[in-house]
Structure formats: C-alpha cells, structure tokens
Amino acid sequence: MGRDPQKTKVFLLPRIGNPPPTLTPMSFIVPAIQRRLRGMSKPPLPEILQATYLAEVRAGALPPEGPAEVAIAGRSNVGKSTLLNRLAGRRSLARVSKTPGRTRGIIFYNLTLRWPGTETRHALRLVDLPGYGYARVSREERKAWQILVENYVKARATLRLFLVLVDARRAPGEEERQLVAWLSSKGVPHHVVVTKMDKLRASEQGAVRHKVRAAFGSNPPAVTLVSGETGEGMESLWAAVAFSTAMKEART
C-alpha cells in the first residue's frame, strides 16, 4: 500500500511560482524548512507529543504501512539507540546497551510531533534496523539480517529516508560504501549521519565532514554531524528528515 494522497498534508516551497505538473517526495516541505528558507539561522526542533513502541519483526510479515518511515542503520555500537532516543525525545524508548549486536530484528516506533508555531500534529515512524559488523554473530544470522533488511527496503512504499550512521572516530568502511551504493541503485533517499561528535576534540571536528564525504568517492551522499548525547546537530538532522518526508497528519 502506498501513501493515501487524501490523508497527506502537503507543504510547497514558498515563492517559487506554479508547481510542476508532477510532484515527487522531494517537492514536499514541512514548516521547519519553510521557516529556514524565510531567514531563520537554523531550523527549529519539533515538539514530540508521543513516542511509542509498535513492533519488532525478525521474520515474516511487517506491520501494516502507515505514516512515512525513516529507517536507521549502522555498525554495532555506533550510537544508534542513543540517536533514536534523541529523535524520539525520550531517554529510554530504545534500549541503549554496551553489548554489540543487541538489535536482532526490525523495530518500529511511532511518533506524533508538532512544529513550533503550529497546531498541526504529524505522524512519523522510526525504523531501527539490525546493526552490522558484529563479529560474534554467526554468518547465518548476519545473512538473515541482510535478507530481512533488503526485503524491508524493497517492499516498503512508505520508506522516505534511510539514515546510515557512521562513528565520528572511524572512517566509513567497505560495508558503509556498499550500503550507500545499494541504496542509490534502488533509488532510496539516504543520508549519512556522523554520530558521537562529542567524543572528538574541537580541533578534530572541522575535518570530519570532508573525511567522511571523501570516503565515498566521487559522488558522496549528504552528511550531517550529530551527537545523540548532547543534541548537537539535531536541528540539521530534523531538517533533512522534514525535507525528505511528507508527514501524514496524525489522526487523533
């Protein structure tokens, strides 16, 4: 099932004349980006009204499609759960663990949010994908995770953005490059998010974006630098999410 156009609230770019005959998801814009284009120094953060666990899937059918979905993937211990909790505005929605490979299935969370200055409520779904690069998991289980994620990406009409997480303290490796190349080949909008920026000295932070982009070669993806611990960079990340996502108005 795809998105129901009758239930989707659409925001068009301001002052650009008549819209083109066919709109793509990247033609949609939500209030955060509108305010940024109107001169704000940085976009606002949304107010998270509700954040709830929906389901975990290790095999079989996925939950019915509903709100627009943002998938989050990265190596084990990249800070995925910490970032997810920061996005959800909750400290313990996703379990943060020092044990690598804790996420063994696809976990779905529902958010209801509202942008500052508006009364409109929006629905968004965060999708926590299994971590990769964990040596203690058997080859068979890693293969099962890969198939699970591939089937999700191929089948999910409501997937609007795929966030690939990279630890600020290490360069993207072959697995990250392969994942980004695969997403590009499937036409899936994606964004590289560099986590744990708070772990770097100020003198080290300036070169991170260039190093990460360079690791992906001649056609690098968009990159945002964040810290799930401190909230650094979350305005920019939410702007990327908002720009790539046509959010359905929450039905209450």
C-alpha atoms as a PDB file:
ATOM      1  CA  MET A   1       0.000   0.000   0.000  1.00  0.00           C
ATOM      2  CA  GLY A   2       1.268   3.461  -0.825  1.00  0.00           C
ATOM      3  CA  ARG A   3       0.583   6.797   0.707  1.00  0.00           C
ATOM      4  CA  ASP A   4      -3.051   7.951   0.585  1.00  0.00           C
ATOM      5  CA  PRO A   5      -2.926  11.416  -1.036  1.00  0.00           C
ATOM      6  CA  GLN A   6      -6.208  12.355   0.605  1.00  0.00           C
ATOM      7  CA  LYS A   7      -4.628  11.971   4.073  1.00  0.00           C
ATOM      8  CA  THR A   8      -1.317  13.653   3.348  1.00  0.00           C
ATOM      9  CA  LYS A   9      -0.692  17.259   4.309  1.00  0.00           C
ATOM     10  CA  VAL A  10       1.487  18.892   1.654  1.00  0.00           C
ATOM     11  CA  PHE A  11       3.634  21.992   2.081  1.00  0.00           C
ATOM     12  CA  LEU A  12       5.060  23.565  -1.072  1.00  0.00           C
ATOM     13  CA  LEU A  13       8.191  25.624  -1.419  1.00  0.00           C
ATOM     14  CA  PRO A  14       7.296  29.316  -0.889  1.00  0.00           C
ATOM     15  CA  ARG A  15       7.501  31.883  -3.670  1.00  0.00           C
ATOM     16  CA  ILE A  16       8.649  29.622  -6.470  1.00  0.00           C
ATOM     17  CA  GLY A  17       5.772  30.185  -8.872  1.00  0.00           C
ATOM     18  CA  ASN A  18       3.465  27.474 -10.097  1.00  0.00           C
ATOM     19  CA  PRO A  19       4.314  23.918  -9.018  1.00  0.00           C
ATOM     20  CA  PRO A  20       5.444  21.434 -11.664  1.00  0.00           C
ATOM     21  CA  PRO A  21       2.810  19.064 -13.073  1.00  0.00           C
ATOM     22  CA  THR A  22       4.250  16.068 -11.195  1.00  0.00           C
ATOM     23  CA  LEU A  23       5.420  16.331  -7.606  1.00  0.00           C
ATOM     24  CA  THR A  24       7.993  13.950  -6.161  1.00  0.00           C
ATOM     25  CA  PRO A  25       8.565  13.384  -2.414  1.00  0.00           C
ATOM     26  CA  MET A  26      11.466  15.858  -2.532  1.00  0.00           C
ATOM     27  CA  SER A  27       8.996  18.535  -3.694  1.00  0.00           C
ATOM     28  CA  PHE A  28       7.217  18.383  -0.331  1.00  0.00           C
ATOM     29  CA  ILE A  29       8.237  20.643   2.516  1.00  0.00           C
ATOM     30  CA  VAL A  30       7.125  20.941   6.132  1.00  0.00           C
ATOM     31  CA  PRO A  31       7.094  24.034   8.329  1.00  0.00           C
ATOM     32  CA  ALA A  32      10.643  23.552   9.630  1.00  0.00           C
ATOM     33  CA  ILE A  33      12.108  24.076   6.168  1.00  0.00           C
ATOM     34  CA  GLN A  34       9.719  26.899   5.331  1.00  0.00           C
ATOM     35  CA  ARG A  35      10.951  28.816   8.357  1.00  0.00           C
ATOM     36  CA  ARG A  36      14.566  28.121   7.485  1.00  0.00           C
ATOM     37  CA  LEU A  37      14.073  29.472   3.962  1.00  0.00           C
ATOM     38  CA  ARG A  38      12.465  32.593   5.400  1.00  0.00           C
ATOM     39  CA  GLY A  39      15.637  33.611   7.174  1.00  0.00           C
ATOM     40  CA  MET A  40      15.973  31.608  10.375  1.00  0.00           C
ATOM     41  CA  SER A  41      19.589  30.995  11.366  1.00  0.00           C
ATOM     42  CA  LYS A  42      18.746  27.354  11.996  1.00  0.00           C
ATOM     43  CA  PRO A  43      15.563  25.292  11.772  1.00  0.00           C
ATOM     44  CA  PRO A  44      13.553  24.544  14.903  1.00  0.00           C
ATOM     45  CA  LEU A  45      13.197  21.208  16.611  1.00  0.00           C
ATOM     46  CA  PRO A  46       9.738  19.634  16.626  1.00  0.00           C
ATOM     47  CA  GLU A  47       7.850  19.014  19.837  1.00  0.00           C
ATOM     48  CA  ILE A  48       7.493  15.257  20.326  1.00  0.00           C
ATOM     49  CA  LEU A  49       3.984  14.747  21.662  1.00  0.00           C
ATOM     50  CA  GLN A  50       4.056  10.964  21.787  1.00  0.00           C
ATOM     51  CA  ALA A  51       6.598   8.210  21.128  1.00  0.00           C
ATOM     52  CA  THR A  52       5.607   4.550  21.378  1.00  0.00           C
ATOM     53  CA  TYR A  53       6.953   1.116  20.531  1.00  0.00           C
ATOM     54  CA  LEU A  54       4.954  -0.555  17.751  1.00  0.00           C
ATOM     55  CA  ALA A  55       6.511  -3.931  16.912  1.00  0.00           C
ATOM     56  CA  GLU A  56       9.669  -5.972  16.380  1.00  0.00           C
ATOM     57  CA  VAL A  57       9.942  -8.198  13.325  1.00  0.00           C
ATOM     58  CA  ARG A  58      12.572 -10.936  12.971  1.00  0.00           C
ATOM     59  CA  ALA A  59      10.839 -12.878  10.227  1.00  0.00           C
ATOM     60  CA  GLY A  60       7.514 -12.853   8.481  1.00  0.00           C
ATOM     61  CA  ALA A  61       5.108 -10.027   7.821  1.00  0.00           C
ATOM     62  CA  LEU A  62       5.923  -6.391   8.520  1.00  0.00           C
ATOM     63  CA  PRO A  63       3.443  -4.118  10.317  1.00  0.00           C
ATOM     64  CA  PRO A  64       0.842  -2.546   8.019  1.00  0.00           C
ATOM     65  CA  GLU A  65       2.099   0.559   6.251  1.00  0.00           C
ATOM     66  CA  GLY A  66       1.029   3.816   7.844  1.00  0.00           C
ATOM     67  CA  PRO A  67       2.983   7.038   8.404  1.00  0.00           C
ATOM     68  CA  ALA A  68       6.106   7.938   6.482  1.00  0.00           C
ATOM     69  CA  GLU A  69       9.086   5.925   7.731  1.00  0.00           C
ATOM     70  CA  VAL A  70      12.701   6.864   8.449  1.00  0.00           C
ATOM     71  CA  ALA A  71      14.995   3.838   8.694  1.00  0.00           C
ATOM     72  CA  ILE A  72      18.172   3.954  10.791  1.00  0.00           C
ATOM     73  CA  ALA A  73      21.114   1.589  10.302  1.00  0.00           C
ATOM     74  CA  GLY A  74      24.744   1.432  11.350  1.00  0.00           C
ATOM     75  CA  ARG A  75      27.513  -0.673  12.786  1.00  0.00           C
ATOM     76  CA  SER A  76      27.071  -2.159  16.232  1.00  0.00           C
ATOM     77  CA  ASN A  77      27.795   0.416  18.955  1.00  0.00           C
ATOM     78  CA  VAL A  78      27.627   3.340  16.530  1.00  0.00           C
ATOM     79  CA  GLY A  79      25.197   5.107  18.875  1.00  0.00           C
ATOM     80  CA  LYS A  80      22.038   4.113  17.029  1.00  0.00           C
ATOM     81  CA  SER A  81      19.821   3.682  20.085  1.00  0.00           C
ATOM     82  CA  THR A  82      21.073   6.920  21.649  1.00  0.00           C
ATOM     83  CA  LEU A  83      20.302   8.829  18.454  1.00  0.00           C
ATOM     84  CA  LEU A  84      16.901   7.191  18.120  1.00  0.00           C
ATOM     85  CA  ASN A  85      16.023   8.203  21.672  1.00  0.00           C
ATOM     86  CA  ARG A  86      17.151  11.766  20.921  1.00  0.00           C
ATOM     87  CA  LEU A  87      14.916  11.876  17.830  1.00  0.00           C
ATOM     88  CA  ALA A  88      12.026  10.483  19.861  1.00  0.00           C
ATOM     89  CA  GLY A  89      12.557  12.931  22.712  1.00  0.00           C
ATOM     90  CA  ARG A  90      12.707  10.030  25.175  1.00  0.00           C
ATOM     91  CA  ARG A  91      15.581   8.667  27.242  1.00  0.00           C
ATOM     92  CA  SER A  92      14.681   5.009  27.090  1.00  0.00           C
ATOM     93  CA  LEU A  93      12.362   4.327  24.157  1.00  0.00           C
ATOM     94  CA  ALA A  94      15.127   2.296  22.510  1.00  0.00           C
ATOM     95  CA  ARG A  95      17.312   0.259  24.829  1.00  0.00           C
ATOM     96  CA  VAL A  96      20.884   1.569  24.976  1.00  0.00           C
ATOM     97  CA  SER A  97      23.366  -1.237  25.556  1.00  0.00           C
ATOM     98  CA  LYS A  98      27.131  -1.600  25.695  1.00  0.00           C
ATOM     99  CA  THR A  99      26.709  -5.078  24.250  1.00  0.00           C
ATOM    100  CA  PRO A 100      27.165  -5.033  20.444  1.00  0.00           C
ATOM    101  CA  GLY A 101      24.507  -6.614  18.271  1.00  0.00           C
ATOM    102  CA  ARG A 102      21.630  -6.003  20.682  1.00  0.00           C
ATOM    103  CA  THR A 103      19.149  -5.203  17.891  1.00  0.00           C
ATOM    104  CA  ARG A 104      18.299  -8.552  16.281  1.00  0.00           C
ATOM    105  CA  GLY A 105      15.205  -7.597  14.274  1.00  0.00           C
ATOM    106  CA  ILE A 106      13.493  -4.585  12.720  1.00  0.00           C
ATOM    107  CA  ILE A 107      11.926  -2.456  15.446  1.00  0.00           C
ATOM    108  CA  PHE A 108       9.200   0.076  14.641  1.00  0.00           C
ATOM    109  CA  TYR A 109       8.373   3.164  16.735  1.00  0.00           C
ATOM    110  CA  ASN A 110       5.524   5.621  16.178  1.00  0.00           C
ATOM    111  CA  LEU A 111       5.976   9.346  16.800  1.00  0.00           C
ATOM    112  CA  THR A 112       3.441  12.143  16.947  1.00  0.00           C
ATOM    113  CA  LEU A 113       5.007  15.573  16.646  1.00  0.00           C
ATOM    114  CA  ARG A 114       4.204  19.238  16.159  1.00  0.00           C
ATOM    115  CA  TRP A 115       6.370  22.012  14.760  1.00  0.00           C
ATOM    116  CA  PRO A 116       6.705  25.254  16.782  1.00  0.00           C
ATOM    117  CA  GLY A 117       4.115  27.857  15.908  1.00  0.00           C
ATOM    118  CA  THR A 118       1.593  25.370  14.509  1.00  0.00           C
ATOM    119  CA  GLU A 119      -1.232  23.272  15.901  1.00  0.00           C
ATOM    120  CA  THR A 120      -0.990  20.567  13.240  1.00  0.00           C
ATOM    121  CA  ARG A 121       0.045  17.157  14.526  1.00  0.00           C
ATOM    122  CA  HIS A 122       2.148  14.923  12.300  1.00  0.00           C
ATOM    123  CA  ALA A 123       2.812  11.195  12.395  1.00  0.00           C
ATOM    124  CA  LEU A 124       6.226   9.698  11.700  1.00  0.00           C
ATOM    125  CA  ARG A 125       7.586   6.180  12.112  1.00  0.00           C
ATOM    126  CA  LEU A 126      11.198   5.439  13.077  1.00  0.00           C
ATOM    127  CA  VAL A 127      12.553   2.062  11.997  1.00  0.00           C
ATOM    128  CA  ASP A 128      15.524   0.612  13.900  1.00  0.00           C
ATOM    129  CA  LEU A 129      17.417  -1.873  11.714  1.00  0.00           C
ATOM    130  CA  PRO A 130      19.834  -4.569  12.972  1.00  0.00           C
ATOM    131  CA  GLY A 131      23.420  -3.438  13.444  1.00  0.00           C
ATOM    132  CA  TYR A 132      26.065  -4.849  11.137  1.00  0.00           C
ATOM    133  CA  GLY A 133      29.776  -5.544  11.537  1.00  0.00           C
ATOM    134  CA  TYR A 134      29.401  -7.571  14.751  1.00  0.00           C
ATOM    135  CA  ALA A 135      31.872 -10.470  14.574  1.00  0.00           C
ATOM    136  CA  ARG A 136      30.301 -12.609  17.330  1.00  0.00           C
ATOM    137  CA  VAL A 137      27.122 -13.163  15.360  1.00  0.00           C
ATOM    138  CA  SER A 138      27.151 -16.257  13.163  1.00  0.00           C
ATOM    139  CA  ARG A 139      27.429 -15.916   9.413  1.00  0.00           C
ATOM    140  CA  GLU A 140      23.961 -17.438   9.065  1.00  0.00           C
ATOM    141  CA  GLU A 141      22.426 -14.854  11.394  1.00  0.00           C
ATOM    142  CA  ARG A 142      24.188 -11.973   9.622  1.00  0.00           C
ATOM    143  CA  LYS A 143      22.830 -13.285   6.323  1.00  0.00           C
ATOM    144  CA  ALA A 144      19.340 -13.493   7.804  1.00  0.00           C
ATOM    145  CA  TRP A 145      19.613  -9.867   8.964  1.00  0.00           C
ATOM    146  CA  GLN A 146      20.737  -8.812   5.493  1.00  0.00           C
ATOM    147  CA  ILE A 147      17.795 -10.542   3.840  1.00  0.00           C
ATOM    148  CA  LEU A 148      15.397  -9.043   6.391  1.00  0.00           C
ATOM    149  CA  VAL A 149      16.654  -5.510   5.733  1.00  0.00           C
ATOM    150  CA  GLU A 150      16.741  -5.955   1.951  1.00  0.00           C
ATOM    151  CA  ASN A 151      13.166  -7.240   1.906  1.00  0.00           C
ATOM    152  CA  TYR A 152      12.051  -4.320   4.064  1.00  0.00           C
ATOM    153  CA  VAL A 153      13.670  -1.720   1.793  1.00  0.00           C
ATOM    154  CA  LYS A 154      12.388  -3.309  -1.413  1.00  0.00           C
ATOM    155  CA  ALA A 155       8.821  -3.765  -0.188  1.00  0.00           C
ATOM    156  CA  ARG A 156       8.170  -0.650   1.889  1.00  0.00           C
ATOM    157  CA  ALA A 157       6.337   2.039  -0.074  1.00  0.00           C
ATOM    158  CA  THR A 158       6.266   4.314   2.986  1.00  0.00           C
ATOM    159  CA  LEU A 159      10.076   4.398   3.396  1.00  0.00           C
ATOM    160  CA  ARG A 160      11.054   8.032   2.826  1.00  0.00           C
ATOM    161  CA  LEU A 161      14.613   8.266   4.156  1.00  0.00           C
ATOM    162  CA  PHE A 162      17.387   5.840   5.116  1.00  0.00           C
ATOM    163  CA  LEU A 163      19.924   7.124   7.657  1.00  0.00           C
ATOM    164  CA  VAL A 164      23.340   5.445   7.523  1.00  0.00           C
ATOM    165  CA  LEU A 165      25.188   6.060  10.798  1.00  0.00           C
ATOM    166  CA  VAL A 166      28.976   6.397  10.993  1.00  0.00           C
ATOM    167  CA  ASP A 167      31.049   6.822  14.177  1.00  0.00           C
ATOM    168  CA  ALA A 168      32.963  10.125  14.115  1.00  0.00           C
ATOM    169  CA  ARG A 169      36.055   8.329  15.425  1.00  0.00           C
ATOM    170  CA  ARG A 170      36.388   5.958  12.488  1.00  0.00           C
ATOM    171  CA  ALA A 171      36.247   6.365   8.727  1.00  0.00           C
ATOM    172  CA  PRO A 172      33.400   4.776   6.761  1.00  0.00           C
ATOM    173  CA  GLY A 173      34.393   1.277   5.677  1.00  0.00           C
ATOM    174  CA  GLU A 174      33.511  -1.049   2.846  1.00  0.00           C
ATOM    175  CA  GLU A 175      30.203  -2.036   4.449  1.00  0.00           C
ATOM    176  CA  GLU A 176      29.046   1.593   4.598  1.00  0.00           C
ATOM    177  CA  ARG A 177      30.143   2.184   0.999  1.00  0.00           C
ATOM    178  CA  GLN A 178      28.335  -0.925  -0.195  1.00  0.00           C
ATOM    179  CA  LEU A 179      25.185   0.038   1.694  1.00  0.00           C
ATOM    180  CA  VAL A 180      25.136   3.570   0.254  1.00  0.00           C
ATOM    181  CA  ALA A 181      25.809   2.237  -3.257  1.00  0.00           C
ATOM    182  CA  TRP A 182      22.990  -0.295  -2.890  1.00  0.00           C
ATOM    183  CA  LEU A 183      20.554   2.350  -1.652  1.00  0.00           C
ATOM    184  CA  SER A 184      21.497   4.549  -4.608  1.00  0.00           C
ATOM    185  CA  SER A 185      20.911   1.673  -7.035  1.00  0.00           C
ATOM    186  CA  LYS A 186      17.434   1.151  -5.558  1.00  0.00           C
ATOM    187  CA  GLY A 187      16.577   4.855  -5.687  1.00  0.00           C
ATOM    188  CA  VAL A 188      16.165   5.067  -1.905  1.00  0.00           C
ATOM    189  CA  PRO A 189      16.784   8.573  -0.466  1.00  0.00           C
ATOM    190  CA  HIS A 190      19.595   8.308   2.057  1.00  0.00           C
ATOM    191  CA  HIS A 191      21.731  10.446   4.321  1.00  0.00           C
ATOM    192  CA  VAL A 192      24.952   9.714   6.196  1.00  0.00           C
ATOM    193  CA  VAL A 193      24.799  10.739   9.861  1.00  0.00           C
ATOM    194  CA  VAL A 194      28.115  11.037  11.703  1.00  0.00           C
ATOM    195  CA  THR A 195      27.472  10.214  15.366  1.00  0.00           C
ATOM    196  CA  LYS A 196      29.390  10.772  18.618  1.00  0.00           C
ATOM    197  CA  MET A 197      30.774  14.175  17.631  1.00  0.00           C
ATOM    198  CA  ASP A 198      31.034  14.904  21.364  1.00  0.00           C
ATOM    199  CA  LYS A 199      33.817  12.306  21.560  1.00  0.00           C
ATOM    200  CA  LEU A 200      36.131  14.431  19.387  1.00  0.00           C
ATOM    201  CA  ARG A 201      38.235  17.392  20.427  1.00  0.00           C
ATOM    202  CA  ALA A 202      37.201  20.718  18.910  1.00  0.00           C
ATOM    203  CA  SER A 203      40.374  20.721  16.813  1.00  0.00           C
ATOM    204  CA  GLU A 204      39.350  17.385  15.260  1.00  0.00           C
ATOM    205  CA  GLN A 205      35.768  18.234  14.397  1.00  0.00           C
ATOM    206  CA  GLY A 206      36.373  20.565  11.471  1.00  0.00           C
ATOM    207  CA  ALA A 207      37.805  17.925   9.145  1.00  0.00           C
ATOM    208  CA  VAL A 208      35.255  15.190   9.840  1.00  0.00           C
ATOM    209  CA  ARG A 209      32.703  16.084   7.154  1.00  0.00           C
ATOM    210  CA  HIS A 210      35.367  16.265   4.438  1.00  0.00           C
ATOM    211  CA  LYS A 211      36.904  12.934   5.502  1.00  0.00           C
ATOM    212  CA  VAL A 212      33.549  11.170   5.539  1.00  0.00           C
ATOM    213  CA  ARG A 213      32.497  12.517   2.150  1.00  0.00           C
ATOM    214  CA  ALA A 214      35.890  11.631   0.664  1.00  0.00           C
ATOM    215  CA  ALA A 215      35.474   8.030   1.823  1.00  0.00           C
ATOM    216  CA  PHE A 216      32.501   7.629  -0.527  1.00  0.00           C
ATOM    217  CA  GLY A 217      34.382   8.682  -3.654  1.00  0.00           C
ATOM    218  CA  SER A 218      33.316  10.979  -6.470  1.00  0.00           C
ATOM    219  CA  ASN A 219      29.579  11.009  -5.691  1.00  0.00           C
ATOM    220  CA  PRO A 220      29.331  11.341  -1.897  1.00  0.00           C
ATOM    221  CA  PRO A 221      25.998  11.383  -0.057  1.00  0.00           C
ATOM    222  CA  ALA A 222      24.744  14.234   2.097  1.00  0.00           C
ATOM    223  CA  VAL A 223      26.379  14.232   5.534  1.00  0.00           C
ATOM    224  CA  THR A 224      25.170  15.594   8.890  1.00  0.00           C
ATOM    225  CA  LEU A 225      27.270  15.697  12.070  1.00  0.00           C
ATOM    226  CA  VAL A 226      25.446  14.981  15.345  1.00  0.00           C
ATOM    227  CA  SER A 227      25.745  13.885  18.940  1.00  0.00           C
ATOM    228  CA  GLY A 228      22.915  11.852  20.382  1.00  0.00           C
ATOM    229  CA  GLU A 229      24.298  12.535  23.860  1.00  0.00           C
ATOM    230  CA  THR A 230      24.341  16.353  23.685  1.00  0.00           C
ATOM    231  CA  GLY A 231      21.844  17.054  20.905  1.00  0.00           C
ATOM    232  CA  GLU A 232      24.466  18.776  18.760  1.00  0.00           C
ATOM    233  CA  GLY A 233      23.387  18.892  15.114  1.00  0.00           C
ATOM    234  CA  MET A 234      19.838  17.655  15.683  1.00  0.00           C
ATOM    235  CA  GLU A 235      18.305  20.746  14.061  1.00  0.00           C
ATOM    236  CA  SER A 236      20.119  19.932  10.826  1.00  0.00           C
ATOM    237  CA  LEU A 237      19.157  16.270  11.019  1.00  0.00           C
ATOM    238  CA  TRP A 238      15.495  17.101  11.581  1.00  0.00           C
ATOM    239  CA  ALA A 239      15.671  19.483   8.616  1.00  0.00           C
ATOM    240  CA  ALA A 240      16.899  16.599   6.451  1.00  0.00           C
ATOM    241  CA  VAL A 241      14.141  14.343   7.766  1.00  0.00           C
ATOM    242  CA  ALA A 242      11.499  17.005   7.192  1.00  0.00           C
ATOM    243  CA  PHE A 243      12.687  17.779   3.675  1.00  0.00           C
ATOM    244  CA  SER A 244      12.654  14.120   2.644  1.00  0.00           C
ATOM    245  CA  THR A 245       9.402  13.224   4.342  1.00  0.00           C
ATOM    246  CA  ALA A 246       5.832  14.163   3.566  1.00  0.00           C
ATOM    247  CA  MET A 247       4.391  13.684   7.048  1.00  0.00           C
ATOM    248  CA  LYS A 248       0.848  12.453   7.412  1.00  0.00           C
ATOM    249  CA  GLU A 249      -1.311  14.419   9.789  1.00  0.00           C
ATOM    250  CA  ALA A 250      -1.830  12.358  12.927  1.00  0.00           C
ATOM    251  CA  ARG A 251      -5.382  11.154  13.392  1.00  0.00           C
ATOM    252  CA  THR A 252      -6.454  11.539  16.993  1.00  0.00           C
END
